[in-house]
PDB file of all heavy atoms in Angstrom:
ATOM      1  N   LEU A   1      26.780 -70.351  18.891  1.00  0.00           N
ATOM      2  CA  LEU A   1      26.526 -69.165  19.704  1.00  0.00           C
ATOM      3  C   LEU A   1      26.646 -67.896  18.864  1.00  0.00           C
ATOM      4  O   LEU A   1      25.811 -66.990  18.948  1.00  0.00           O
ATOM      5  CB  LEU A   1      27.496 -69.113  20.883  1.00  0.00           C
ATOM      6  CG  LEU A   1      27.334 -67.933  21.827  1.00  0.00           C
ATOM      7  CD1 LEU A   1      25.968 -67.958  22.497  1.00  0.00           C
ATOM      8  CD2 LEU A   1      28.437 -67.949  22.871  1.00  0.00           C
ATOM      9  N   PHE A   2      27.664 -67.818  18.030  1.00  0.00           N
ATOM     10  CA  PHE A   2      27.848 -66.670  17.153  1.00  0.00           C
ATOM     11  C   PHE A   2      26.665 -66.512  16.203  1.00  0.00           C
ATOM     12  O   PHE A   2      26.167 -65.411  15.992  1.00  0.00           O
ATOM     13  CB  PHE A   2      29.150 -66.812  16.352  1.00  0.00           C
ATOM     14  CG  PHE A   2      29.327 -65.739  15.325  1.00  0.00           C
ATOM     15  CD1 PHE A   2      29.706 -64.460  15.693  1.00  0.00           C
ATOM     16  CD2 PHE A   2      29.084 -66.006  13.987  1.00  0.00           C
ATOM     17  CE1 PHE A   2      29.850 -63.467  14.743  1.00  0.00           C
ATOM     18  CE2 PHE A   2      29.230 -65.023  13.033  1.00  0.00           C
ATOM     19  CZ  PHE A   2      29.617 -63.751  13.409  1.00  0.00           C
ATOM     20  N   MET A   3      26.198 -67.617  15.633  1.00  0.00           N
ATOM     21  CA  MET A   3      25.072 -67.555  14.701  1.00  0.00           C
ATOM     22  C   MET A   3      23.793 -67.093  15.400  1.00  0.00           C
ATOM     23  O   MET A   3      23.018 -66.318  14.845  1.00  0.00           O
ATOM     24  CB  MET A   3      24.879 -68.919  14.034  1.00  0.00           C
ATOM     25  CG  MET A   3      25.999 -69.243  13.057  1.00  0.00           C
ATOM     26  SD  MET A   3      25.968 -70.905  12.365  1.00  0.00           S
ATOM     27  CE  MET A   3      24.336 -71.044  11.725  1.00  0.00           C
ATOM     28  N   VAL A   4      23.583 -67.550  16.624  1.00  0.00           N
ATOM     29  CA  VAL A   4      22.397 -67.141  17.378  1.00  0.00           C
ATOM     30  C   VAL A   4      22.447 -65.643  17.682  1.00  0.00           C
ATOM     31  O   VAL A   4      21.461 -64.921  17.499  1.00  0.00           O
ATOM     32  CB  VAL A   4      22.265 -67.973  18.679  1.00  0.00           C
ATOM     33  CG1 VAL A   4      21.224 -67.387  19.605  1.00  0.00           C
ATOM     34  CG2 VAL A   4      21.935 -69.420  18.355  1.00  0.00           C
ATOM     35  N   ILE A   5      23.592 -65.166  18.113  1.00  0.00           N
ATOM     36  CA  ILE A   5      23.726 -63.745  18.424  1.00  0.00           C
ATOM     37  C   ILE A   5      23.591 -62.904  17.161  1.00  0.00           C
ATOM     38  O   ILE A   5      22.897 -61.886  17.151  1.00  0.00           O
ATOM     39  CB  ILE A   5      25.075 -63.477  19.124  1.00  0.00           C
ATOM     40  CG1 ILE A   5      25.067 -64.113  20.523  1.00  0.00           C
ATOM     41  CG2 ILE A   5      25.361 -61.981  19.219  1.00  0.00           C
ATOM     42  CD1 ILE A   5      26.395 -64.067  21.231  1.00  0.00           C
ATOM     43  N   ALA A   6      24.236 -63.304  16.077  1.00  0.00           N
ATOM     44  CA  ALA A   6      24.152 -62.562  14.817  1.00  0.00           C
ATOM     45  C   ALA A   6      22.716 -62.539  14.296  1.00  0.00           C
ATOM     46  O   ALA A   6      22.234 -61.513  13.808  1.00  0.00           O
ATOM     47  CB  ALA A   6      25.090 -63.172  13.785  1.00  0.00           C
ATOM     48  N   GLY A   7      22.023 -63.658  14.409  1.00  0.00           N
ATOM     49  CA  GLY A   7      20.627 -63.705  13.979  1.00  0.00           C
ATOM     50  C   GLY A   7      19.745 -62.813  14.826  1.00  0.00           C
ATOM     51  O   GLY A   7      18.843 -62.142  14.320  1.00  0.00           O
ATOM     52  N   SER A   8      19.984 -62.782  16.124  1.00  0.00           N
ATOM     53  CA  SER A   8      19.204 -61.918  17.009  1.00  0.00           C
ATOM     54  C   SER A   8      19.402 -60.456  16.667  1.00  0.00           C
ATOM     55  O   SER A   8      18.455 -59.677  16.644  1.00  0.00           O
ATOM     56  CB  SER A   8      19.604 -62.148  18.463  1.00  0.00           C
ATOM     57  OG  SER A   8      19.332 -63.469  18.856  1.00  0.00           O
ATOM     58  N   ILE A   9      20.628 -60.085  16.390  1.00  0.00           N
ATOM     59  CA  ILE A   9      20.915 -58.697  16.027  1.00  0.00           C
ATOM     60  C   ILE A   9      20.265 -58.361  14.691  1.00  0.00           C
ATOM     61  O   ILE A   9      19.652 -57.310  14.529  1.00  0.00           O
ATOM     62  CB  ILE A   9      22.434 -58.451  15.980  1.00  0.00           C
ATOM     63  CG1 ILE A   9      23.011 -58.535  17.400  1.00  0.00           C
ATOM     64  CG2 ILE A   9      22.758 -57.104  15.346  1.00  0.00           C
ATOM     65  CD1 ILE A   9      24.517 -58.523  17.451  1.00  0.00           C
ATOM     66  N   ALA A  10      20.388 -59.245  13.715  1.00  0.00           N
ATOM     67  CA  ALA A  10      19.849 -58.974  12.382  1.00  0.00           C
ATOM     68  C   ALA A  10      18.330 -58.847  12.406  1.00  0.00           C
ATOM     69  O   ALA A  10      17.765 -57.951  11.797  1.00  0.00           O
ATOM     70  CB  ALA A  10      20.268 -60.084  11.430  1.00  0.00           C
ATOM     71  N   PHE A  11      17.653 -59.718  13.114  1.00  0.00           N
ATOM     72  CA  PHE A  11      16.194 -59.671  13.145  1.00  0.00           C
ATOM     73  C   PHE A  11      15.687 -58.590  14.088  1.00  0.00           C
ATOM     74  O   PHE A  11      14.640 -58.002  13.855  1.00  0.00           O
ATOM     75  CB  PHE A  11      15.612 -61.033  13.528  1.00  0.00           C
ATOM     76  CG  PHE A  11      15.759 -62.060  12.454  1.00  0.00           C
ATOM     77  CD1 PHE A  11      16.567 -63.155  12.628  1.00  0.00           C
ATOM     78  CD2 PHE A  11      15.103 -61.910  11.248  1.00  0.00           C
ATOM     79  CE1 PHE A  11      16.721 -64.105  11.638  1.00  0.00           C
ATOM     80  CE2 PHE A  11      15.241 -62.844  10.249  1.00  0.00           C
ATOM     81  CZ  PHE A  11      16.058 -63.949  10.445  1.00  0.00           C
ATOM     82  N   GLY A  12      16.411 -58.295  15.134  1.00  0.00           N
ATOM     83  CA  GLY A  12      15.986 -57.274  16.087  1.00  0.00           C
ATOM     84  C   GLY A  12      16.159 -55.873  15.562  1.00  0.00           C
ATOM     85  O   GLY A  12      15.409 -54.965  15.909  1.00  0.00           O
ATOM     86  N   ALA A  13      17.124 -55.649  14.694  1.00  0.00           N
ATOM     87  CA  ALA A  13      17.388 -54.312  14.176  1.00  0.00           C
ATOM     88  C   ALA A  13      16.406 -53.907  13.098  1.00  0.00           C
ATOM     89  O   ALA A  13      16.322 -52.746  12.739  1.00  0.00           O
ATOM     90  CB  ALA A  13      18.807 -54.247  13.625  1.00  0.00           C
ATOM     91  N   GLY A  14      15.640 -54.808  12.589  1.00  0.00           N
ATOM     92  CA  GLY A  14      14.724 -54.506  11.501  1.00  0.00           C
ATOM     93  C   GLY A  14      13.365 -54.033  11.949  1.00  0.00           C
ATOM     94  O   GLY A  14      12.486 -53.808  11.138  1.00  0.00           O
ATOM     95  N   GLY A  15      13.161 -53.843  13.254  1.00  0.00           N
ATOM     96  CA  GLY A  15      11.854 -53.423  13.747  1.00  0.00           C
ATOM     97  C   GLY A  15      11.527 -52.000  13.342  1.00  0.00           C
ATOM     98  O   GLY A  15      12.384 -51.165  13.141  1.00  0.00           O
ATOM     99  N   LYS A  16      10.223 -51.713  13.188  1.00  0.00           N
ATOM    100  CA  LYS A  16       9.773 -50.390  12.804  1.00  0.00           C
ATOM    101  C   LYS A  16       9.040 -49.754  13.973  1.00  0.00           C
ATOM    102  O   LYS A  16       8.446 -50.437  14.788  1.00  0.00           O
ATOM    103  CB  LYS A  16       8.823 -50.477  11.612  1.00  0.00           C
ATOM    104  CG  LYS A  16       9.502 -50.952  10.355  1.00  0.00           C
ATOM    105  CD  LYS A  16       8.529 -50.982   9.220  1.00  0.00           C
ATOM    106  CE  LYS A  16       9.213 -51.467   7.950  1.00  0.00           C
ATOM    107  NZ  LYS A  16       8.281 -51.551   6.836  1.00  0.00           N
ATOM    108  N   ASP A  17       9.064 -48.424  14.021  1.00  0.00           N
ATOM    109  CA  ASP A  17       8.329 -47.684  15.035  1.00  0.00           C
ATOM    110  C   ASP A  17       6.865 -47.651  14.624  1.00  0.00           C
ATOM    111  O   ASP A  17       6.509 -47.067  13.608  1.00  0.00           O
ATOM    112  CB  ASP A  17       8.878 -46.270  15.156  1.00  0.00           C
ATOM    113  CG  ASP A  17       8.210 -45.485  16.265  1.00  0.00           C
ATOM    114  OD1 ASP A  17       7.483 -46.099  17.070  1.00  0.00           O
ATOM    115  OD2 ASP A  17       8.420 -44.271  16.320  1.00  0.00           O
ATOM    116  N   THR A  18       6.028 -48.289  15.396  1.00  0.00           N
ATOM    117  CA  THR A  18       4.610 -48.363  15.061  1.00  0.00           C
ATOM    118  C   THR A  18       3.818 -47.229  15.669  1.00  0.00           C
ATOM    119  O   THR A  18       2.624 -47.123  15.455  1.00  0.00           O
ATOM    120  CB  THR A  18       4.015 -49.692  15.568  1.00  0.00           C
ATOM    121  OG1 THR A  18       4.166 -49.749  16.989  1.00  0.00           O
ATOM    122  CG2 THR A  18       4.706 -50.874  14.920  1.00  0.00           C
ATOM    123  N   GLY A  19       4.478 -46.388  16.456  1.00  0.00           N
ATOM    124  CA  GLY A  19       3.782 -45.286  17.069  1.00  0.00           C
ATOM    125  C   GLY A  19       3.081 -45.673  18.353  1.00  0.00           C
ATOM    126  O   GLY A  19       2.259 -44.938  18.867  1.00  0.00           O
ATOM    127  N   SER A  20       3.368 -46.825  18.874  1.00  0.00           N
ATOM    128  CA  SER A  20       2.726 -47.244  20.113  1.00  0.00           C
ATOM    129  C   SER A  20       3.754 -47.370  21.207  1.00  0.00           C
ATOM    130  O   SER A  20       4.943 -47.477  20.957  1.00  0.00           O
ATOM    131  CB  SER A  20       2.014 -48.577  19.920  1.00  0.00           C
ATOM    132  OG  SER A  20       2.945 -49.587  19.630  1.00  0.00           O
ATOM    133  N   ASP A  21       3.279 -47.344  22.421  1.00  0.00           N
ATOM    134  CA  ASP A  21       4.187 -47.522  23.539  1.00  0.00           C
ATOM    135  C   ASP A  21       4.427 -49.005  23.773  1.00  0.00           C
ATOM    136  O   ASP A  21       3.984 -49.841  23.003  1.00  0.00           O
ATOM    137  CB  ASP A  21       3.648 -46.829  24.792  1.00  0.00           C
ATOM    138  CG  ASP A  21       2.272 -47.351  25.196  1.00  0.00           C
ATOM    139  OD1 ASP A  21       1.788 -48.306  24.560  1.00  0.00           O
ATOM    140  OD2 ASP A  21       1.698 -46.810  26.143  1.00  0.00           O
ATOM    141  N   GLU A  22       5.122 -49.343  24.851  1.00  0.00           N
ATOM    142  CA  GLU A  22       5.471 -50.730  25.116  1.00  0.00           C
ATOM    143  C   GLU A  22       4.257 -51.620  25.347  1.00  0.00           C
ATOM    144  O   GLU A  22       4.285 -52.812  25.145  1.00  0.00           O
ATOM    145  CB  GLU A  22       6.398 -50.822  26.339  1.00  0.00           C
ATOM    146  CG  GLU A  22       7.800 -50.315  26.084  1.00  0.00           C
ATOM    147  CD  GLU A  22       7.887 -48.791  26.129  1.00  0.00           C
ATOM    148  OE1 GLU A  22       6.997 -48.141  26.721  1.00  0.00           O
ATOM    149  OE2 GLU A  22       8.846 -48.254  25.555  1.00  0.00           O
ATOM    150  N   SER A  23       3.146 -51.038  25.793  1.00  0.00           N
ATOM    151  CA  SER A  23       1.961 -51.851  26.071  1.00  0.00           C
ATOM    152  C   SER A  23       1.226 -52.219  24.796  1.00  0.00           C
ATOM    153  O   SER A  23       0.336 -53.051  24.814  1.00  0.00           O
ATOM    154  CB  SER A  23       1.020 -51.102  27.015  1.00  0.00           C
ATOM    155  OG  SER A  23       0.526 -49.933  26.378  1.00  0.00           O
ATOM    156  N   GLY A  24       1.569 -51.554  23.690  1.00  0.00           N
ATOM    157  CA  GLY A  24       0.931 -51.875  22.421  1.00  0.00           C
ATOM    158  C   GLY A  24      -0.431 -51.238  22.263  1.00  0.00           C
ATOM    159  O   GLY A  24      -1.204 -51.612  21.395  1.00  0.00           O
ATOM    160  N   THR A  25      -0.762 -50.249  23.080  1.00  0.00           N
ATOM    161  CA  THR A  25      -2.080 -49.638  23.011  1.00  0.00           C
ATOM    162  C   THR A  25      -2.194 -48.626  21.889  1.00  0.00           C
ATOM    163  O   THR A  25      -3.278 -48.206  21.543  1.00  0.00           O
ATOM    164  CB  THR A  25      -2.431 -48.941  24.343  1.00  0.00           C
ATOM    165  OG1 THR A  25      -1.454 -47.924  24.584  1.00  0.00           O
ATOM    166  CG2 THR A  25      -2.462 -49.923  25.477  1.00  0.00           C
TER     167      THR A  25
END
């Protein structure tokens, strides 16, 4: 459980702002 949560945080924090809204338009 700890590894899953740590992995989710590590991979989720690396996202970049692409300049699009949630719909991806």
